[in-house]
Protein backbone atom coordinates (compact mmCIF):
# COMPACT_ATOMS: atom_id res chain seq x y z
CA UNK A 1 -26.18 -2.26 38.62
CA UNK A 2 -26.77 -1.06 42.21
CA UNK A 3 -29.61 -2.62 44.19
CA UNK A 4 -31.09 -2.02 47.64
CA UNK A 5 -28.57 -1.24 50.34
CA UNK A 6 -25.93 -0.39 47.78
CA UNK A 7 -25.36 -4.06 46.94
CA UNK A 8 -24.70 -4.80 43.24
CA UNK A 9 -27.35 -6.82 41.38
CA UNK A 10 -25.91 -9.02 38.60
CA UNK A 11 -28.24 -9.69 35.69
CA UNK A 12 -25.70 -11.48 33.47
CA UNK A 13 -23.15 -14.19 33.97
CA UNK A 14 -19.76 -12.95 35.12
CA UNK A 15 -18.23 -14.57 32.03
CA UNK A 16 -20.46 -12.55 29.68
CA UNK A 17 -18.89 -9.64 27.87
CA UNK A 18 -20.56 -6.53 26.57
CA UNK A 19 -19.75 -3.75 24.16
CA UNK A 20 -21.86 -0.62 23.98
CA UNK A 21 -22.13 2.61 22.04
CA UNK A 22 -19.36 3.65 19.70
CA UNK A 23 -17.19 0.73 20.77
CA UNK A 24 -19.80 -1.79 19.55
CA UNK A 25 -20.37 0.10 16.30
CA UNK A 26 -16.66 0.36 15.54
CA UNK A 27 -16.16 -3.34 16.23
CA UNK A 28 -19.03 -4.40 13.94
CA UNK A 29 -18.04 -2.04 11.15
CA UNK A 30 -14.40 -3.16 11.30
CA UNK A 31 -15.48 -6.82 10.99
CA UNK A 32 -17.65 -6.12 7.94
CA UNK A 33 -14.96 -3.99 6.28
CA UNK A 34 -12.50 -6.86 6.73
CA UNK A 35 -14.83 -9.30 5.00
CA UNK A 36 -15.44 -6.82 2.19
CA UNK A 37 -11.71 -6.28 1.78
CA UNK A 38 -11.12 -10.03 1.58
CA UNK A 39 -13.27 -10.42 -1.56
CA UNK A 40 -12.69 -7.00 -3.14
CA UNK A 41 -9.63 -8.09 -5.14
CA UNK A 42 -11.72 -10.75 -6.93
CA UNK A 43 -14.08 -8.23 -8.54
CA UNK A 44 -14.19 -7.82 -12.30
CA UNK A 45 -12.53 -9.37 -15.35
CA UNK A 46 -9.05 -8.75 -13.95
CA UNK A 47 -9.89 -9.93 -10.43
CA UNK A 48 -7.61 -12.42 -8.71
CA UNK A 49 -8.51 -15.85 -7.33
CA UNK A 50 -8.49 -17.05 -3.74
CA UNK A 51 -7.18 -20.42 -2.56
CA UNK A 52 -9.26 -21.65 0.37
CA UNK A 53 -7.89 -24.57 2.42
CA UNK A 54 -10.13 -26.14 5.06
CA UNK A 55 -9.20 -27.97 8.27
CA UNK A 56 -8.82 -31.34 6.52
CA UNK A 57 -6.66 -29.99 3.70
CA UNK A 58 -9.32 -29.80 0.95
CA UNK A 59 -8.77 -26.75 -1.20
CA UNK A 60 -10.96 -24.57 -3.39
CA UNK A 61 -9.57 -22.12 -5.95
CA UNK A 62 -12.16 -19.54 -6.98
CA UNK A 63 -13.03 -15.86 -7.34
CA UNK A 64 -16.75 -16.46 -6.75
CA UNK A 65 -17.78 -14.21 -3.87
CA UNK A 66 -20.34 -16.45 -2.17
CA UNK A 67 -18.07 -19.50 -2.43
CA UNK A 68 -15.19 -17.60 -0.77
CA UNK A 69 -17.38 -16.37 2.08
CA UNK A 70 -18.94 -19.78 2.67
CA UNK A 71 -15.49 -21.36 2.83
CA UNK A 72 -14.21 -18.76 5.32
CA UNK A 73 -14.47 -19.79 8.96
CA UNK A 74 -16.12 -16.66 10.33
CA UNK A 75 -16.79 -16.22 14.06
CA UNK A 76 -17.79 -12.58 14.27
CA UNK A 77 -21.62 -12.22 14.22
CA UNK A 78 -21.55 -9.03 12.14
CA UNK A 79 -19.22 -10.71 9.64
CA UNK A 80 -21.71 -13.56 9.31
CA UNK A 81 -24.31 -11.01 8.22
CA UNK A 82 -22.09 -10.23 5.23
CA UNK A 83 -22.21 -13.89 4.27
CA UNK A 84 -26.01 -13.66 4.36
CA UNK A 85 -25.84 -10.72 1.93
CA UNK A 86 -23.89 -12.88 -0.54
CA UNK A 87 -26.16 -15.89 -0.06
CA UNK A 88 -29.29 -13.81 -0.63
CA UNK A 89 -27.77 -12.35 -3.80
CA UNK A 90 -26.91 -15.87 -5.01
CA UNK A 91 -30.41 -17.21 -4.32
CA UNK A 92 -32.29 -14.28 -5.82
CA UNK A 93 -30.14 -13.56 -8.88
CA UNK A 94 -27.34 -16.11 -9.13
CA UNK A 95 -24.62 -13.52 -9.75
CA UNK A 96 -23.27 -10.27 -8.34
CA UNK A 97 -22.34 -11.64 -4.91
CA UNK A 98 -18.97 -9.88 -4.78
CA UNK A 99 -20.56 -6.57 -5.82
CA UNK A 100 -23.12 -6.83 -3.02
CA UNK A 101 -20.51 -7.57 -0.33
CA UNK A 102 -18.06 -4.87 -1.52
CA UNK A 103 -20.87 -2.30 -1.64
CA UNK A 104 -22.07 -3.25 1.84
CA UNK A 105 -18.58 -2.81 3.27
CA UNK A 106 -18.17 0.58 1.57
CA UNK A 107 -21.55 1.81 2.86
CA UNK A 108 -20.37 1.04 6.39
CA UNK A 109 -17.04 2.76 5.74
CA UNK A 110 -18.84 5.91 4.57
CA UNK A 111 -21.19 5.69 7.55
CA UNK A 112 -18.19 5.49 9.89
CA UNK A 113 -17.00 8.87 8.63
CA UNK A 114 -20.46 10.35 9.23
CA UNK A 115 -20.51 8.92 12.77
CA UNK A 116 -17.23 10.68 13.45
CA UNK A 117 -18.98 13.94 12.47
CA UNK A 118 -21.52 13.31 15.28
CA UNK A 119 -24.33 12.38 12.88
CA UNK A 120 -26.74 9.99 14.58
CA UNK A 121 -27.06 6.43 13.16
CA UNK A 122 -30.83 6.91 12.81
CA UNK A 123 -30.26 9.85 10.47
CA UNK A 124 -27.75 7.83 8.43
CA UNK A 125 -30.08 4.83 8.08
CA UNK A 126 -32.95 7.11 7.04
CA UNK A 127 -30.76 8.68 4.35
CA UNK A 128 -29.63 5.24 3.17
CA UNK A 129 -33.25 4.10 2.85
CA UNK A 130 -34.09 7.17 0.80
CA UNK A 131 -31.05 6.57 -1.43
CA UNK A 132 -31.96 2.90 -1.85
CA UNK A 133 -35.50 3.80 -2.92
CA UNK A 134 -34.25 6.44 -5.38
CA UNK A 135 -31.66 4.00 -6.79
CA UNK A 136 -34.38 1.42 -7.48
CA UNK A 137 -36.43 4.03 -9.35
CA UNK A 138 -33.42 5.12 -11.44
CA UNK A 139 -32.59 1.50 -12.31
CA UNK A 140 -36.15 1.03 -13.59
CA UNK A 141 -35.84 4.16 -15.73
CA UNK A 142 -32.46 3.50 -17.35
CA UNK A 143 -32.70 -0.29 -17.91
CA UNK A 144 -33.18 -1.77 -21.38
CA UNK A 145 -35.79 -4.40 -22.29
CA UNK A 146 -34.93 -8.01 -23.18
CA UNK A 147 -37.16 -10.98 -24.03
CA UNK A 148 -36.90 -14.66 -24.81
CA UNK A 149 -36.14 -14.30 -28.53
CA UNK A 150 -33.24 -11.91 -27.98
CA UNK A 151 -30.50 -14.55 -27.80
CA UNK A 152 -27.77 -12.07 -28.73
CA UNK A 153 -28.37 -9.92 -25.62
CA UNK A 154 -28.87 -12.98 -23.43
CA UNK A 155 -25.53 -14.39 -24.58
CA UNK A 156 -23.90 -11.08 -23.66
CA UNK A 157 -25.41 -11.40 -20.18
CA UNK A 158 -24.00 -14.94 -19.89
CA UNK A 159 -20.56 -13.89 -21.15
CA UNK A 160 -20.42 -10.96 -18.71
CA UNK A 161 -21.19 -13.33 -15.82
CA UNK A 162 -18.35 -15.65 -16.92
CA UNK A 163 -15.77 -12.93 -17.52
CA UNK A 164 -12.93 -13.06 -15.04
CA UNK A 165 -13.40 -16.74 -14.24
CA UNK A 166 -11.60 -19.81 -15.57
CA UNK A 167 -14.37 -20.19 -18.15
CA UNK A 168 -13.51 -16.87 -19.83
CA UNK A 169 -11.37 -18.45 -22.59
CA UNK A 170 -14.39 -20.50 -23.77
CA UNK A 171 -17.12 -18.05 -22.83
CA UNK A 172 -18.51 -17.71 -26.38
CA UNK A 173 -19.21 -21.45 -26.55
CA UNK A 174 -20.34 -21.81 -22.94
CA UNK A 175 -22.65 -18.78 -23.13
CA UNK A 176 -24.55 -20.39 -26.02
CA UNK A 177 -25.02 -23.52 -23.91
CA UNK A 178 -26.28 -21.45 -20.97
CA UNK A 179 -28.79 -19.51 -23.11
CA UNK A 180 -30.00 -22.66 -24.91
CA UNK A 181 -30.49 -24.42 -21.56
CA UNK A 182 -32.59 -21.55 -20.16
CA UNK A 183 -34.62 -21.27 -23.39
CA UNK A 184 -35.45 -24.99 -23.19
CA UNK A 185 -36.97 -24.80 -19.72
CA UNK A 186 -38.47 -21.26 -19.81
CA UNK A 187 -42.26 -21.15 -19.60
CA UNK A 188 -44.34 -18.07 -20.37
CA UNK A 189 -46.86 -17.00 -17.73
CA UNK A 190 -48.98 -13.92 -18.39
CA UNK A 191 -46.46 -11.25 -19.46
CA UNK A 192 -43.30 -12.74 -17.95
CA UNK A 193 -41.22 -15.91 -18.09
CA UNK A 194 -40.68 -18.46 -15.36
CA UNK A 195 -37.49 -20.51 -15.34
CA UNK A 196 -37.19 -23.42 -12.90
CA UNK A 197 -33.43 -23.62 -12.41
CA UNK A 198 -33.84 -27.04 -10.80
CA UNK A 199 -34.76 -28.33 -14.26
CA UNK A 200 -31.25 -27.51 -15.51
CA UNK A 201 -28.97 -30.24 -14.21
CA UNK A 202 -25.21 -29.84 -14.21
CA UNK A 203 -22.97 -32.90 -14.23
CA UNK A 204 -19.16 -32.75 -14.04
CA UNK A 205 -16.47 -35.04 -15.40
CA UNK A 206 -12.79 -34.18 -15.28
CA UNK A 207 -10.70 -35.01 -18.31
CA UNK A 208 -10.88 -33.61 -21.82
CA UNK A 209 -11.16 -29.89 -22.48
CA UNK A 210 -13.71 -27.22 -21.61
CA UNK A 211 -14.77 -27.14 -25.28
CA UNK A 212 -16.10 -30.69 -24.86
CA UNK A 213 -18.82 -29.39 -22.52
CA UNK A 214 -22.21 -30.30 -24.01
CA UNK A 215 -25.93 -29.66 -23.59
CA UNK A 216 -28.26 -32.67 -23.55
CA UNK A 217 -31.99 -32.32 -24.25
CA UNK A 218 -32.89 -34.57 -21.38
CA UNK A 219 -31.15 -35.86 -18.30
CA UNK A 220 -27.63 -37.15 -17.62
CA UNK A 221 -27.40 -39.68 -14.80
CA UNK A 222 -24.13 -40.37 -13.04
CA UNK A 223 -25.17 -44.03 -12.95
CA UNK A 224 -24.58 -47.18 -14.97
CA UNK A 225 -26.79 -50.12 -15.96
CA UNK A 226 -27.24 -52.71 -13.22
CA UNK A 227 -26.42 -55.83 -15.27
CA UNK A 228 -23.67 -56.50 -17.81
CA UNK A 229 -26.12 -58.48 -19.97
CA UNK A 230 -28.27 -55.43 -20.60
CA UNK A 231 -27.87 -53.38 -23.81
CA UNK A 232 -25.69 -50.25 -23.72
CA UNK A 233 -28.06 -48.28 -25.93
CA UNK A 234 -31.81 -48.31 -26.54
CA UNK A 235 -33.27 -46.44 -29.52
CA UNK A 236 -36.89 -45.19 -29.38
CA UNK A 237 -36.87 -45.78 -25.65
CA UNK A 238 -40.05 -46.47 -23.71
CA UNK A 239 -39.12 -45.49 -20.19
CA UNK A 240 -40.63 -46.70 -16.93
CA UNK A 241 -39.86 -44.21 -14.15
CA UNK A 242 -40.34 -46.17 -10.92
CA UNK A 243 -40.39 -44.89 -7.34
CA UNK A 244 -40.55 -48.31 -5.70
CA UNK A 245 -38.09 -51.17 -5.09
CA UNK A 246 -38.06 -54.02 -7.59
CA UNK A 247 -37.48 -56.41 -4.73
CA UNK A 248 -39.49 -58.76 -2.53
CA UNK A 249 -41.31 -56.57 -0.03
CA UNK A 250 -40.38 -57.18 3.57
CA UNK A 251 -43.17 -57.62 6.11
CA UNK A 252 -43.83 -54.63 8.33
CA UNK A 253 -44.31 -56.87 11.37
CA UNK A 254 -41.79 -59.21 12.97
CA UNK A 255 -42.45 -62.83 12.04
CA UNK A 256 -40.70 -66.17 12.22
CA UNK A 257 -40.91 -68.87 9.55
CA UNK A 258 -40.33 -72.40 10.77
CA UNK A 259 -38.76 -74.68 8.12
CA UNK A 260 -38.51 -78.36 8.98
CA UNK A 261 -37.11 -79.83 5.75
CA UNK A 262 -35.08 -78.69 2.68
CA UNK A 263 -38.14 -78.93 0.42
CA UNK A 264 -39.88 -76.15 2.32
CA UNK A 265 -36.80 -73.99 1.97
CA UNK A 266 -36.76 -74.61 -1.76
CA UNK A 267 -40.46 -73.64 -2.04
CA UNK A 268 -39.80 -70.44 -0.08
CA UNK A 269 -36.95 -69.44 -2.41
CA UNK A 270 -38.99 -70.31 -5.51
CA UNK A 271 -41.90 -68.15 -4.33
CA UNK A 272 -39.59 -65.17 -3.90
CA UNK A 273 -38.18 -65.80 -7.37
CA UNK A 274 -41.70 -66.02 -8.85
CA UNK A 275 -42.59 -62.65 -7.31
CA UNK A 276 -39.52 -61.03 -8.84
CA UNK A 277 -40.19 -62.70 -12.18
CA UNK A 278 -43.77 -61.40 -12.09
CA UNK A 279 -42.46 -57.84 -11.53
CA UNK A 280 -40.07 -58.12 -14.48
CA UNK A 281 -42.86 -59.53 -16.71
CA UNK A 282 -45.22 -56.70 -15.67
CA UNK A 283 -42.60 -54.17 -16.75
CA UNK A 284 -42.01 -56.01 -20.04
CA UNK A 285 -45.75 -56.39 -20.73
CA UNK A 286 -46.21 -52.62 -20.40
CA UNK A 287 -43.87 -52.19 -23.37
CA UNK A 288 -41.00 -50.62 -21.39
CA UNK A 289 -37.48 -51.23 -22.65
CA UNK A 290 -35.78 -48.90 -20.10
CA UNK A 291 -36.27 -48.88 -16.33
CA UNK A 292 -35.11 -45.94 -14.19
CA UNK A 293 -35.68 -46.85 -10.56
CA UNK A 294 -35.28 -44.66 -7.49
CA UNK A 295 -34.91 -47.67 -5.18
CA UNK A 296 -33.03 -50.95 -5.42
CA UNK A 297 -33.36 -53.76 -8.00
CA UNK A 298 -32.89 -57.35 -6.80
CA UNK A 299 -30.21 -59.49 -8.51
CA UNK A 300 -32.82 -61.99 -9.70
CA UNK A 301 -34.99 -59.18 -11.11
CA UNK A 302 -31.91 -57.83 -12.89
CA UNK A 303 -31.43 -61.24 -14.51
CA UNK A 304 -35.00 -61.41 -15.83
CA UNK A 305 -34.91 -57.80 -17.09
CA UNK A 306 -31.63 -58.48 -18.90
CA UNK A 307 -33.12 -61.60 -20.53
CA UNK A 308 -35.94 -59.45 -21.94
CA UNK A 309 -33.45 -56.89 -23.32
CA UNK A 310 -34.49 -54.19 -20.87
CA UNK A 311 -31.90 -51.64 -19.72
CA UNK A 312 -32.21 -50.72 -16.02
CA UNK A 313 -30.62 -48.14 -13.73
CA UNK A 314 -31.15 -48.09 -9.96
CA UNK A 315 -30.70 -45.67 -7.05
CA UNK A 316 -31.63 -42.63 -9.13
CA UNK A 317 -32.02 -39.57 -6.87
CA UNK A 318 -35.48 -38.19 -6.19
CA UNK A 319 -34.55 -34.91 -7.89
CA UNK A 320 -33.47 -36.75 -11.03
CA UNK A 321 -36.66 -38.83 -10.96
CA UNK A 322 -38.70 -35.60 -11.13
CA UNK A 323 -36.53 -34.27 -13.97
CA UNK A 324 -36.88 -37.54 -15.89
CA UNK A 325 -40.64 -37.54 -15.51
CA UNK A 326 -40.88 -33.99 -16.91
CA UNK A 327 -38.38 -34.56 -19.70
CA UNK A 328 -39.87 -37.85 -20.95
CA UNK A 329 -43.52 -37.08 -20.10
CA UNK A 330 -43.68 -40.21 -17.92
CA UNK A 331 -45.85 -40.93 -14.90
CA UNK A 332 -43.90 -41.88 -11.79
CA UNK A 333 -44.95 -45.43 -10.93
CA UNK A 334 -45.22 -46.49 -7.26
CA UNK A 335 -46.62 -50.01 -7.83
CA UNK A 336 -44.56 -52.10 -10.25
CA UNK A 337 -47.28 -54.71 -10.82
CA UNK A 338 -49.78 -52.01 -11.75
CA UNK A 339 -47.64 -50.38 -14.45
CA UNK A 340 -49.39 -49.62 -17.76
CA UNK A 341 -48.22 -48.47 -21.18
CA UNK A 342 -49.79 -45.05 -20.56
CA UNK A 343 -47.35 -44.54 -17.66
CA UNK A 344 -44.29 -44.81 -19.88
CA UNK A 345 -42.18 -41.88 -21.03
CA UNK A 346 -40.38 -41.56 -24.33
CA UNK A 347 -36.90 -40.60 -25.47
CA UNK A 348 -35.04 -40.83 -28.77
CA UNK A 349 -32.30 -42.83 -27.07
CA UNK A 350 -31.01 -43.98 -23.71
CA UNK A 351 -27.31 -44.72 -23.82
CA UNK A 352 -24.56 -45.64 -21.40
CA UNK A 353 -21.31 -43.88 -22.23
CA UNK A 354 -17.93 -43.73 -20.59
CA UNK A 355 -16.98 -40.13 -19.82
CA UNK A 356 -13.60 -39.46 -18.27
CA UNK A 357 -13.34 -43.07 -17.16
CA UNK A 358 -16.78 -43.14 -15.47
CA UNK A 359 -19.97 -44.66 -16.84
CA UNK A 360 -22.90 -42.24 -17.30
CA UNK A 361 -26.40 -42.77 -18.66
CA UNK A 362 -27.69 -40.25 -21.22
CA UNK A 363 -31.46 -39.89 -21.67
CA UNK A 364 -31.63 -37.85 -24.89
CA UNK A 365 -33.96 -36.47 -27.57
CA UNK A 366 -36.89 -36.17 -25.20
CA UNK A 367 -40.15 -34.95 -26.79
CA UNK A 368 -41.06 -32.88 -23.73
CA UNK A 369 -37.59 -31.59 -22.88
CA UNK A 370 -38.68 -29.48 -19.89
CA UNK A 371 -35.48 -30.64 -18.27
CA UNK A 372 -32.00 -30.35 -19.73
CA UNK A 373 -28.53 -31.31 -18.56
CA UNK A 374 -25.11 -29.76 -19.04
CA UNK A 375 -22.07 -32.03 -18.94
CA UNK A 376 -19.04 -29.93 -17.93
CA UNK A 377 -15.55 -31.12 -18.89
CA UNK A 378 -12.18 -29.79 -17.82
CA UNK A 379 -8.58 -30.81 -17.32
CA UNK A 380 -8.57 -31.07 -13.51
CA UNK A 381 -11.07 -31.29 -10.68
CA UNK A 382 -10.49 -27.66 -9.64
CA UNK A 383 -10.95 -26.41 -13.20
CA UNK A 384 -14.21 -28.35 -13.56
CA UNK A 385 -15.49 -26.97 -10.24
CA UNK A 386 -14.72 -23.39 -11.28
CA UNK A 387 -16.32 -23.90 -14.70
CA UNK A 388 -19.41 -25.18 -12.88
CA UNK A 389 -19.56 -22.04 -10.72
CA UNK A 390 -19.17 -19.85 -13.83
CA UNK A 391 -21.95 -21.77 -15.59
CA UNK A 392 -24.21 -21.39 -12.53
CA UNK A 393 -23.59 -17.62 -12.60
CA UNK A 394 -24.32 -17.46 -16.34
CA UNK A 395 -27.55 -19.45 -16.00
CA UNK A 396 -28.57 -17.31 -13.03
CA UNK A 397 -27.90 -14.10 -14.97
CA UNK A 398 -29.84 -15.20 -18.06
CA UNK A 399 -32.70 -16.46 -15.88
CA UNK A 400 -32.89 -13.16 -14.00
CA UNK A 401 -32.76 -11.13 -17.22
CA UNK A 402 -35.67 -13.11 -18.67
CA UNK A 403 -37.74 -13.16 -15.49
CA UNK A 404 -37.60 -9.38 -15.03
CA UNK A 405 -37.18 -8.49 -18.71
CA UNK A 406 -34.60 -5.76 -18.03
CA UNK A 407 -30.82 -5.41 -18.42
CA UNK A 408 -28.26 -2.69 -17.67
CA UNK A 409 -24.68 -1.92 -18.63
CA UNK A 410 -21.71 -3.32 -16.70
CA UNK A 411 -18.17 -2.13 -16.11
CA UNK A 412 -19.21 0.33 -13.40
CA UNK A 413 -21.49 2.25 -15.79
CA UNK A 414 -24.66 1.64 -13.79
CA UNK A 415 -23.05 2.56 -10.46
CA UNK A 416 -21.63 5.85 -11.75
CA UNK A 417 -25.01 6.77 -13.27
CA UNK A 418 -26.76 5.95 -9.98
CA UNK A 419 -24.21 8.02 -8.04
CA UNK A 420 -24.77 11.01 -10.31
CA UNK A 421 -28.56 10.76 -9.96
CA UNK A 422 -28.29 10.40 -6.16
CA UNK A 423 -26.15 13.54 -5.85
CA UNK A 424 -28.78 15.49 -7.80
CA UNK A 425 -31.47 13.97 -5.58
CA UNK A 426 -29.52 14.84 -2.41
CA UNK A 427 -29.60 18.53 -3.36
CA UNK A 428 -33.40 18.41 -3.23
CA UNK A 429 -33.43 16.79 0.21
CA UNK A 430 -33.02 18.97 3.25
CA UNK A 431 -31.45 18.20 6.58
CA UNK A 432 -28.62 15.87 7.50
CA UNK A 433 -30.10 13.02 5.44
CA UNK A 434 -28.54 14.83 2.46
CA UNK A 435 -25.10 13.86 3.80
CA UNK A 436 -26.11 10.19 4.04
CA UNK A 437 -27.46 10.18 0.47
CA UNK A 438 -24.20 11.68 -0.80
CA UNK A 439 -22.30 9.04 1.21
CA UNK A 440 -24.42 6.36 -0.49
CA UNK A 441 -23.45 7.85 -3.88
CA UNK A 442 -19.77 7.81 -2.93
CA UNK A 443 -20.10 4.17 -1.81
CA UNK A 444 -21.56 3.14 -5.17
CA UNK A 445 -18.43 4.39 -6.90
CA UNK A 446 -16.36 1.75 -5.08
CA UNK A 447 -17.32 -0.64 -7.91
CA UNK A 448 -15.65 1.27 -10.81
CA UNK A 449 -12.77 2.21 -8.47
CA UNK A 450 -12.18 -1.46 -7.65
CA UNK A 451 -12.45 -2.51 -11.30
CA UNK A 452 -9.76 0.03 -12.16
CA UNK A 453 -7.49 -0.99 -9.26
CA UNK A 454 -7.79 -4.70 -10.07
CA UNK A 455 -6.89 -3.98 -13.70
CA UNK A 456 -3.82 -1.94 -12.68
CA UNK A 457 -5.13 1.52 -13.58
CA UNK A 458 -5.30 4.70 -11.52
CA UNK A 459 -8.76 4.69 -9.87
CA UNK A 460 -8.97 8.48 -9.46
CA UNK A 461 -8.21 9.30 -13.09
CA UNK A 462 -10.58 6.57 -14.23
CA UNK A 463 -13.40 7.79 -12.00
CA UNK A 464 -12.99 11.42 -13.07
CA UNK A 465 -13.21 10.41 -16.73
CA UNK A 466 -16.28 8.26 -16.07
CA UNK A 467 -18.03 11.09 -14.24
CA UNK A 468 -17.36 13.47 -17.13
CA UNK A 469 -18.77 11.01 -19.66
CA UNK A 470 -21.93 10.50 -17.59
CA UNK A 471 -22.40 14.22 -17.05
CA UNK A 472 -22.35 14.59 -20.83
CA UNK A 473 -25.24 12.10 -21.12
CA UNK A 474 -23.46 8.78 -21.80
CA UNK A 475 -25.52 6.54 -19.52
CA UNK A 476 -23.63 3.33 -20.30
CA UNK A 477 -20.07 4.65 -20.17
CA UNK A 478 -18.00 2.19 -18.14
CA UNK A 479 -14.38 1.25 -17.67
CA UNK A 480 -12.81 -0.96 -20.34
CA UNK A 481 -10.35 -2.99 -18.26
CA UNK A 482 -8.33 -3.84 -21.37
CA UNK A 483 -7.49 -0.27 -22.33
CA UNK A 484 -8.27 1.56 -19.11
CA UNK A 485 -10.44 4.02 -21.04
CA UNK A 486 -14.12 4.82 -20.67
CA UNK A 487 -16.27 3.09 -23.29
CA UNK A 488 -19.96 2.56 -24.03
CA UNK A 489 -19.72 -0.98 -22.72
CA UNK A 490 -23.38 -1.86 -23.30
CA UNK A 491 -22.68 -1.70 -27.03
CA UNK A 492 -19.47 -3.70 -26.47
CA UNK A 493 -21.44 -6.57 -24.92
CA UNK A 494 -20.88 -5.94 -21.20
CA UNK A 495 -24.48 -6.44 -20.07
CA UNK A 496 -25.93 -7.47 -16.71
CA UNK A 497 -29.48 -8.18 -15.49
CA UNK A 498 -31.08 -5.16 -13.85
CA UNK A 499 -32.04 -7.36 -10.89
CA UNK A 500 -28.35 -7.98 -10.16
CA UNK A 501 -27.90 -4.29 -9.40
CA UNK A 502 -31.28 -3.85 -7.71
CA UNK A 503 -30.73 -6.78 -5.36
CA UNK A 504 -27.13 -5.76 -4.61
CA UNK A 505 -28.18 -2.21 -3.69
CA UNK A 506 -31.10 -3.40 -1.56
CA UNK A 507 -29.20 -6.17 0.26
CA UNK A 508 -26.13 -4.02 0.89
CA UNK A 509 -28.20 -1.08 2.12
CA UNK A 510 -30.39 -3.15 4.42
CA UNK A 511 -27.44 -4.99 5.97
CA UNK A 512 -25.60 -1.69 6.54
CA UNK A 513 -28.69 -0.15 8.11
CA UNK A 514 -29.11 -3.12 10.45
CA UNK A 515 -25.48 -3.04 11.59
CA UNK A 516 -25.56 0.73 12.13
CA UNK A 517 -28.58 0.41 14.41
CA UNK A 518 -26.72 -1.96 16.76
CA UNK A 519 -25.26 -0.07 19.74
CA UNK A 520 -25.01 -2.90 22.25
CA UNK A 521 -23.49 -6.35 21.74
CA UNK A 522 -23.67 -8.92 24.52
CA UNK A 523 -21.62 -12.10 24.19
CA UNK A 524 -22.85 -14.91 26.41
CA UNK A 525 -20.31 -16.96 28.36
CA UNK A 526 -18.87 -19.81 26.31
CA UNK A 527 -19.77 -18.20 23.00
CA UNK A 528 -16.20 -17.41 22.05
CA UNK A 529 -12.70 -18.79 22.02
CA UNK A 530 -9.27 -17.77 23.15
CA UNK A 531 -8.70 -15.44 20.21
CA UNK A 532 -10.92 -12.61 21.41
CA UNK A 533 -9.97 -9.36 19.82
CA UNK A 534 -7.31 -10.85 17.59
CA UNK A 535 -7.04 -9.45 14.09
CA UNK A 536 -8.55 -11.59 11.34
CA UNK A 537 -5.88 -13.12 9.13
CA UNK A 538 -5.73 -11.77 5.61
CA UNK A 539 -7.69 -8.60 5.90
CA UNK A 540 -8.02 -5.55 8.07
CA UNK A 541 -7.36 -5.12 11.76
CA UNK A 542 -10.01 -5.56 14.40
CA UNK A 543 -10.13 -3.32 17.46
CA UNK A 544 -8.02 -4.79 20.24
CA UNK A 545 -9.51 -6.28 23.39
CA UNK A 546 -12.43 -7.78 21.49
CA UNK A 547 -15.27 -9.75 23.00
CA UNK A 548 -15.17 -13.49 23.37
CA UNK A 549 -15.98 -15.07 20.04
CA UNK A 550 -16.17 -11.77 18.23
CA UNK A 551 -12.60 -10.85 17.36
CA UNK A 552 -11.03 -13.73 15.47
CA UNK A 553 -12.91 -14.15 12.24
CA UNK A 554 -11.16 -16.86 10.28
């Protein structure tokens, strides 16, 4: 910038780097396309897995989109926005993260072609917004209703979410567990259902087979009893849920106690012991035969509780304390000496079992089972972790289907139907926005194309057949990855929550719009590394000569 007297005026550090105009747009789009390409091969029942190895050698084997993106060490700011798309999809729906990221990348690819035709980014983003709004309306129109008694459809939703993951071989059994878990905690409010996913706890234990996975009407604690003299199992349990230490309380102020002879020391120790004994007797007098404590339990208190036949567990997490209180209908006690029988919760049994070599405590047969637990088993740690991710997706899908009460067909059927409707809508829209709406329709078809490619079929032939079926009125015609033919997959059990598609379209569109509106990227000094402009390993090239901290992605 030229100042007075022709002298340059510097407004940024000399180490700062800047990209403007088409250069900035191309760089951002290339980064997002690379991220999209990295997860694209994981989409669908025939998708492949990724092995992610971090800097300390820990590895994760998965085809879960959000897990892959979170494990990737991304430096490029635009690429990080793609991770946010997946995270938002995971938080809002619980499934469909790969779909959202792949669609976002394809929207940017289509936009890149429009930019090359000298169409302004503002026109493209306006067209994308119009297409997004129309897509939402179409999804509302074509979706099918589902409610809490329709376990058959809900199980199909759960099985669709698990398809393509390690859990697929046992998906019939696992889908029943997922639906039963959601049904246990679902609460009806007005004309819709609310499901608190925090009330569904998942515990893992490697060893055994996936078919040994079980649902417990209550809470599983990865804890063991505090004293060997306590019983391993309590029937008709009266449970004290305590959020306070069963220990002698330390003074809040600094103090010194002067002891001049051994007798005084003995009295001091005996007084502490009497306090602990009084706490144990207060618990016993309330009628409790099980103690679940969030804080610590003194060794002497453990001794007195064991003598009275009371089973105790300590250091229970605050989240589990809340689940236990809801499941057993107990009041959380903060003053041990003030505990009353009315504060106690109930359970059919509290039992310590050894699972896979580790001791766990099972609080079962709860009368108010507003909290449930799923114990996942599997042969190895990596299998168990992937089964957990599949179960989370299934629970998220069933929860979303119930909360919104609508489902749609999978296998690319919904995307092809949306694309067809958008092309008809584009004909009614004048101006250059029509081109952007058609580009949005083309981008939606990346989902069935990818499903076909990942299954080893010709994507063009598959897409042509799907378009013909939809033009003839078959709304739910999708690609059967087993045969490669178009089928009415909704009837075959390939069902997804409508919100999965709605959220994916909205998140992908909004992220693409935001990136397209960026025409100037300024990298402050020290924000990058030595790999500026280097291509990201494993997917797509980045434009050479990149900005500091914005080229190397992984």
